[in-house]
Amino acid sequence: MIKLKGFQKKYLKGLAHGLSPVVQVGKNGLTDSLFKQINDQLEIHELIKIKFTDYKDEKKELTQNIETGTDSILIGIIGHIAIFYKENAIEEKRKIEIPETRTS
């Protein structure tokens, strides 16, 4: 897993601004099928939003579990929506190019 600097996370947060959540954590919580769905969406989009419709009080612990279970990076939590990033393993399929240096 790559390590992101603060300005890189800020860049990804900006990209995620216009995105809609593609996965919801509902009454069943974190299940194997939900992890599969998250992994599938990360492989397709690299940057996704996950909405917590239930388990809102436990979202910090659940986001850590998602981050570990999907080998992704938590970019941030805004309200009841978490933003995750995972670089596609296949270079040709990568959609997002993260800046290496800070721009003014």
N, C-alpha and C. Protein backbone atom coordinates (compact mmCIF):
# COMPACT_ATOMS: atom_id res chain seq x y z
N MET A 1 0.84 -1.18 0.00
CA MET A 1 0.00 0.00 0.00
C MET A 1 0.89 1.24 0.00
N ILE A 2 0.50 2.22 -0.77
CA ILE A 2 1.27 3.46 -0.84
C ILE A 2 0.90 4.35 0.35
N LYS A 3 1.81 5.21 0.73
CA LYS A 3 1.57 6.20 1.78
C LYS A 3 1.30 7.54 1.10
N LEU A 4 0.25 8.19 1.52
CA LEU A 4 -0.10 9.48 0.94
C LEU A 4 0.24 10.61 1.90
N LYS A 5 0.72 11.71 1.34
CA LYS A 5 0.99 12.91 2.12
C LYS A 5 -0.30 13.71 2.23
N GLY A 6 -0.30 14.66 3.13
CA GLY A 6 -1.50 15.47 3.38
C GLY A 6 -2.03 16.15 2.14
N PHE A 7 -1.15 16.75 1.33
CA PHE A 7 -1.62 17.45 0.13
C PHE A 7 -2.19 16.48 -0.90
N GLN A 8 -1.70 15.23 -0.89
CA GLN A 8 -2.23 14.23 -1.81
C GLN A 8 -3.63 13.79 -1.38
N LYS A 9 -3.84 13.65 -0.07
CA LYS A 9 -5.18 13.32 0.43
C LYS A 9 -6.15 14.47 0.13
N LYS A 10 -5.68 15.69 0.28
CA LYS A 10 -6.51 16.86 -0.03
C LYS A 10 -6.90 16.86 -1.51
N TYR A 11 -5.96 16.50 -2.36
CA TYR A 11 -6.22 16.41 -3.80
C TYR A 11 -7.32 15.37 -4.07
N LEU A 12 -7.20 14.20 -3.45
CA LEU A 12 -8.19 13.13 -3.64
C LEU A 12 -9.55 13.53 -3.08
N LYS A 13 -9.55 14.24 -1.95
CA LYS A 13 -10.81 14.72 -1.38
C LYS A 13 -11.51 15.64 -2.36
N GLY A 14 -10.73 16.47 -3.03
CA GLY A 14 -11.29 17.37 -4.05
C GLY A 14 -11.89 16.60 -5.21
N LEU A 15 -11.21 15.53 -5.64
CA LEU A 15 -11.74 14.70 -6.72
C LEU A 15 -13.03 14.00 -6.30
N ALA A 16 -13.11 13.64 -5.02
CA ALA A 16 -14.27 12.88 -4.52
C ALA A 16 -15.49 13.78 -4.31
N HIS A 17 -15.29 15.07 -4.29
CA HIS A 17 -16.38 16.00 -3.97
C HIS A 17 -17.63 15.75 -4.81
N GLY A 18 -17.48 15.54 -6.08
CA GLY A 18 -18.63 15.37 -6.96
C GLY A 18 -19.14 13.94 -7.07
N LEU A 19 -18.51 13.01 -6.36
CA LEU A 19 -18.92 11.60 -6.44
C LEU A 19 -20.10 11.31 -5.53
N SER A 20 -20.90 10.35 -5.94
CA SER A 20 -21.98 9.85 -5.10
C SER A 20 -21.50 8.55 -4.45
N PRO A 21 -22.04 8.22 -3.27
CA PRO A 21 -21.66 6.94 -2.64
C PRO A 21 -22.04 5.76 -3.53
N VAL A 22 -21.13 4.81 -3.66
CA VAL A 22 -21.39 3.62 -4.48
C VAL A 22 -21.67 2.38 -3.63
N VAL A 23 -21.42 2.49 -2.32
CA VAL A 23 -21.65 1.39 -1.39
C VAL A 23 -22.29 1.97 -0.14
N GLN A 24 -23.21 1.19 0.47
CA GLN A 24 -23.82 1.62 1.73
C GLN A 24 -23.62 0.55 2.78
N VAL A 25 -23.27 1.00 3.99
CA VAL A 25 -23.19 0.09 5.13
C VAL A 25 -24.54 0.19 5.82
N GLY A 26 -25.31 -0.89 5.73
CA GLY A 26 -26.66 -0.91 6.27
C GLY A 26 -26.78 -1.78 7.50
N LYS A 27 -27.97 -2.30 7.71
CA LYS A 27 -28.28 -3.03 8.94
C LYS A 27 -27.44 -4.28 9.15
N ASN A 28 -26.91 -4.87 8.07
CA ASN A 28 -26.10 -6.08 8.21
C ASN A 28 -24.64 -5.79 8.54
N GLY A 29 -24.26 -4.53 8.51
CA GLY A 29 -22.88 -4.17 8.85
C GLY A 29 -21.90 -4.62 7.79
N LEU A 30 -20.69 -4.93 8.24
CA LEU A 30 -19.62 -5.35 7.32
C LEU A 30 -19.68 -6.86 7.12
N THR A 31 -20.17 -7.26 5.98
CA THR A 31 -20.25 -8.68 5.65
C THR A 31 -19.23 -9.00 4.56
N ASP A 32 -19.03 -10.29 4.31
CA ASP A 32 -18.12 -10.69 3.23
C ASP A 32 -18.57 -10.14 1.89
N SER A 33 -19.87 -10.15 1.65
CA SER A 33 -20.37 -9.65 0.37
C SER A 33 -20.18 -8.13 0.26
N LEU A 34 -20.27 -7.42 1.38
CA LEU A 34 -20.02 -5.98 1.35
C LEU A 34 -18.55 -5.70 1.06
N PHE A 35 -17.65 -6.48 1.67
CA PHE A 35 -16.23 -6.31 1.37
C PHE A 35 -15.94 -6.60 -0.10
N LYS A 36 -16.61 -7.61 -0.66
CA LYS A 36 -16.43 -7.91 -2.09
C LYS A 36 -16.91 -6.74 -2.94
N GLN A 37 -18.05 -6.20 -2.57
CA GLN A 37 -18.61 -5.06 -3.31
C GLN A 37 -17.66 -3.85 -3.24
N ILE A 38 -17.12 -3.59 -2.06
CA ILE A 38 -16.18 -2.47 -1.89
C ILE A 38 -14.94 -2.70 -2.74
N ASN A 39 -14.38 -3.91 -2.67
CA ASN A 39 -13.20 -4.24 -3.48
C ASN A 39 -13.47 -4.08 -4.97
N ASP A 40 -14.63 -4.56 -5.41
CA ASP A 40 -15.00 -4.44 -6.83
C ASP A 40 -15.07 -2.97 -7.25
N GLN A 41 -15.70 -2.15 -6.43
CA GLN A 41 -15.85 -0.73 -6.75
C GLN A 41 -14.50 -0.01 -6.73
N LEU A 42 -13.63 -0.38 -5.78
CA LEU A 42 -12.29 0.22 -5.74
C LEU A 42 -11.49 -0.17 -6.98
N GLU A 43 -11.65 -1.40 -7.43
CA GLU A 43 -10.94 -1.83 -8.64
C GLU A 43 -11.41 -1.06 -9.87
N ILE A 44 -12.70 -0.79 -9.92
CA ILE A 44 -13.26 -0.07 -11.07
C ILE A 44 -12.93 1.42 -11.00
N HIS A 45 -13.15 2.04 -9.84
CA HIS A 45 -13.10 3.50 -9.74
C HIS A 45 -11.84 4.05 -9.05
N GLU A 46 -11.19 3.27 -8.24
CA GLU A 46 -10.03 3.67 -7.42
C GLU A 46 -10.41 4.59 -6.26
N LEU A 47 -11.32 5.51 -6.47
CA LEU A 47 -11.74 6.46 -5.44
C LEU A 47 -13.25 6.34 -5.28
N ILE A 48 -13.69 5.99 -4.06
CA ILE A 48 -15.12 5.77 -3.84
C ILE A 48 -15.57 6.41 -2.53
N LYS A 49 -16.89 6.60 -2.46
CA LYS A 49 -17.53 7.03 -1.23
C LYS A 49 -18.40 5.89 -0.71
N ILE A 50 -18.37 5.72 0.61
CA ILE A 50 -19.21 4.73 1.27
C ILE A 50 -20.08 5.46 2.27
N LYS A 51 -21.39 5.23 2.19
CA LYS A 51 -22.34 5.88 3.08
C LYS A 51 -22.74 4.93 4.21
N PHE A 52 -22.74 5.46 5.41
CA PHE A 52 -23.18 4.69 6.58
C PHE A 52 -24.64 5.03 6.85
N THR A 53 -25.55 4.14 6.46
CA THR A 53 -26.97 4.35 6.74
C THR A 53 -27.31 3.80 8.11
N ASP A 54 -26.53 2.85 8.59
CA ASP A 54 -26.63 2.31 9.94
C ASP A 54 -25.22 2.29 10.52
N TYR A 55 -25.11 1.94 11.77
CA TYR A 55 -23.80 1.87 12.45
C TYR A 55 -23.06 3.21 12.40
N LYS A 56 -23.81 4.29 12.45
CA LYS A 56 -23.19 5.62 12.35
C LYS A 56 -22.27 5.91 13.53
N ASP A 57 -22.61 5.41 14.71
CA ASP A 57 -21.77 5.65 15.88
C ASP A 57 -20.47 4.84 15.84
N GLU A 58 -20.46 3.77 15.08
CA GLU A 58 -19.28 2.90 15.00
C GLU A 58 -18.47 3.13 13.72
N LYS A 59 -18.76 4.20 12.99
CA LYS A 59 -18.14 4.36 11.67
C LYS A 59 -16.62 4.48 11.72
N LYS A 60 -16.06 5.04 12.79
CA LYS A 60 -14.59 5.15 12.86
C LYS A 60 -13.95 3.77 12.92
N GLU A 61 -14.50 2.89 13.75
CA GLU A 61 -13.97 1.53 13.84
C GLU A 61 -14.21 0.76 12.54
N LEU A 62 -15.39 0.94 11.97
CA LEU A 62 -15.73 0.23 10.73
C LEU A 62 -14.86 0.70 9.57
N THR A 63 -14.54 2.01 9.51
CA THR A 63 -13.68 2.48 8.42
C THR A 63 -12.28 1.89 8.55
N GLN A 64 -11.81 1.71 9.78
CA GLN A 64 -10.50 1.06 9.98
C GLN A 64 -10.55 -0.38 9.49
N ASN A 65 -11.65 -1.07 9.77
CA ASN A 65 -11.81 -2.45 9.29
C ASN A 65 -11.87 -2.50 7.78
N ILE A 66 -12.57 -1.55 7.17
CA ILE A 66 -12.65 -1.50 5.70
C ILE A 66 -11.27 -1.24 5.11
N GLU A 67 -10.56 -0.28 5.70
CA GLU A 67 -9.22 0.08 5.22
C GLU A 67 -8.29 -1.14 5.26
N THR A 68 -8.32 -1.86 6.36
CA THR A 68 -7.47 -3.05 6.51
C THR A 68 -7.95 -4.19 5.61
N GLY A 69 -9.26 -4.43 5.59
CA GLY A 69 -9.82 -5.55 4.85
C GLY A 69 -9.75 -5.41 3.34
N THR A 70 -9.63 -4.17 2.85
CA THR A 70 -9.57 -3.96 1.40
C THR A 70 -8.21 -3.46 0.94
N ASP A 71 -7.29 -3.27 1.89
CA ASP A 71 -5.95 -2.74 1.59
C ASP A 71 -6.07 -1.40 0.88
N SER A 72 -7.02 -0.58 1.35
CA SER A 72 -7.23 0.74 0.77
C SER A 72 -6.80 1.81 1.76
N ILE A 73 -6.94 3.06 1.37
CA ILE A 73 -6.56 4.18 2.23
C ILE A 73 -7.80 5.02 2.51
N LEU A 74 -8.05 5.27 3.77
CA LEU A 74 -9.14 6.17 4.16
C LEU A 74 -8.67 7.59 3.91
N ILE A 75 -9.36 8.29 3.04
CA ILE A 75 -9.01 9.67 2.70
C ILE A 75 -9.64 10.62 3.70
N GLY A 76 -10.85 10.32 4.13
CA GLY A 76 -11.52 11.17 5.10
C GLY A 76 -12.95 10.74 5.34
N ILE A 77 -13.51 11.28 6.41
CA ILE A 77 -14.91 11.05 6.74
C ILE A 77 -15.59 12.40 6.81
N ILE A 78 -16.67 12.55 6.07
CA ILE A 78 -17.45 13.78 6.09
C ILE A 78 -18.88 13.39 6.42
N GLY A 79 -19.32 13.76 7.61
CA GLY A 79 -20.65 13.36 8.05
C GLY A 79 -20.71 11.85 8.19
N HIS A 80 -21.61 11.23 7.46
CA HIS A 80 -21.75 9.78 7.49
C HIS A 80 -21.24 9.13 6.21
N ILE A 81 -20.33 9.82 5.54
CA ILE A 81 -19.76 9.31 4.29
C ILE A 81 -18.24 9.24 4.42
N ALA A 82 -17.69 8.09 4.08
CA ALA A 82 -16.24 7.88 4.12
C ALA A 82 -15.72 7.79 2.68
N ILE A 83 -14.52 8.33 2.48
CA ILE A 83 -13.88 8.32 1.17
C ILE A 83 -12.67 7.40 1.23
N PHE A 84 -12.60 6.46 0.29
CA PHE A 84 -11.50 5.50 0.23
C PHE A 84 -10.82 5.55 -1.13
N TYR A 85 -9.52 5.28 -1.11
CA TYR A 85 -8.73 5.23 -2.34
C TYR A 85 -7.89 3.96 -2.34
N LYS A 86 -7.83 3.33 -3.50
CA LYS A 86 -6.94 2.19 -3.70
C LYS A 86 -6.43 2.24 -5.14
N GLU A 87 -5.14 2.38 -5.28
CA GLU A 87 -4.53 2.43 -6.61
C GLU A 87 -4.69 1.08 -7.29
N ASN A 88 -5.10 1.10 -8.55
CA ASN A 88 -5.27 -0.13 -9.30
C ASN A 88 -3.91 -0.79 -9.49
N ALA A 89 -3.85 -2.10 -9.27
CA ALA A 89 -2.60 -2.83 -9.38
C ALA A 89 -2.06 -2.86 -10.81
N ILE A 90 -2.96 -2.75 -11.78
CA ILE A 90 -2.57 -2.77 -13.20
C ILE A 90 -2.39 -1.32 -13.65
N GLU A 91 -1.17 -0.98 -13.97
CA GLU A 91 -0.84 0.42 -14.29
C GLU A 91 -1.70 0.99 -15.42
N GLU A 92 -1.99 0.18 -16.45
CA GLU A 92 -2.77 0.65 -17.59
C GLU A 92 -4.22 0.97 -17.20
N LYS A 93 -4.71 0.39 -16.10
CA LYS A 93 -6.09 0.61 -15.69
C LYS A 93 -6.24 1.75 -14.69
N ARG A 94 -5.14 2.37 -14.29
CA ARG A 94 -5.20 3.46 -13.32
C ARG A 94 -5.86 4.68 -13.94
N LYS A 95 -6.79 5.25 -13.20
CA LYS A 95 -7.56 6.40 -13.69
C LYS A 95 -7.11 7.70 -13.02
N ILE A 96 -6.52 7.58 -11.85
CA ILE A 96 -6.17 8.77 -11.08
C ILE A 96 -4.66 8.88 -10.99
N GLU A 97 -4.16 10.06 -11.33
CA GLU A 97 -2.75 10.33 -11.18
C GLU A 97 -2.58 11.32 -10.03
N ILE A 98 -1.96 10.86 -8.97
CA ILE A 98 -1.78 11.68 -7.79
C ILE A 98 -0.52 12.51 -7.94
N PRO A 99 -0.59 13.81 -7.69
CA PRO A 99 0.61 14.64 -7.83
C PRO A 99 1.70 14.23 -6.83
N GLU A 100 2.95 14.23 -7.29
CA GLU A 100 4.06 13.87 -6.42
C GLU A 100 4.54 15.05 -5.59
N THR A 101 4.34 16.25 -6.11
CA THR A 101 4.76 17.44 -5.40
C THR A 101 3.58 18.38 -5.23
N ARG A 102 3.69 19.19 -4.22
CA ARG A 102 2.63 20.15 -3.92
C ARG A 102 2.62 21.25 -4.96
N THR A 103 1.43 21.62 -5.41
CA THR A 103 1.30 22.73 -6.36
C THR A 103 0.67 23.91 -5.63
N SER A 104 1.02 25.09 -6.04
CA SER A 104 0.50 26.30 -5.37
C SER A 104 -0.93 26.59 -5.71
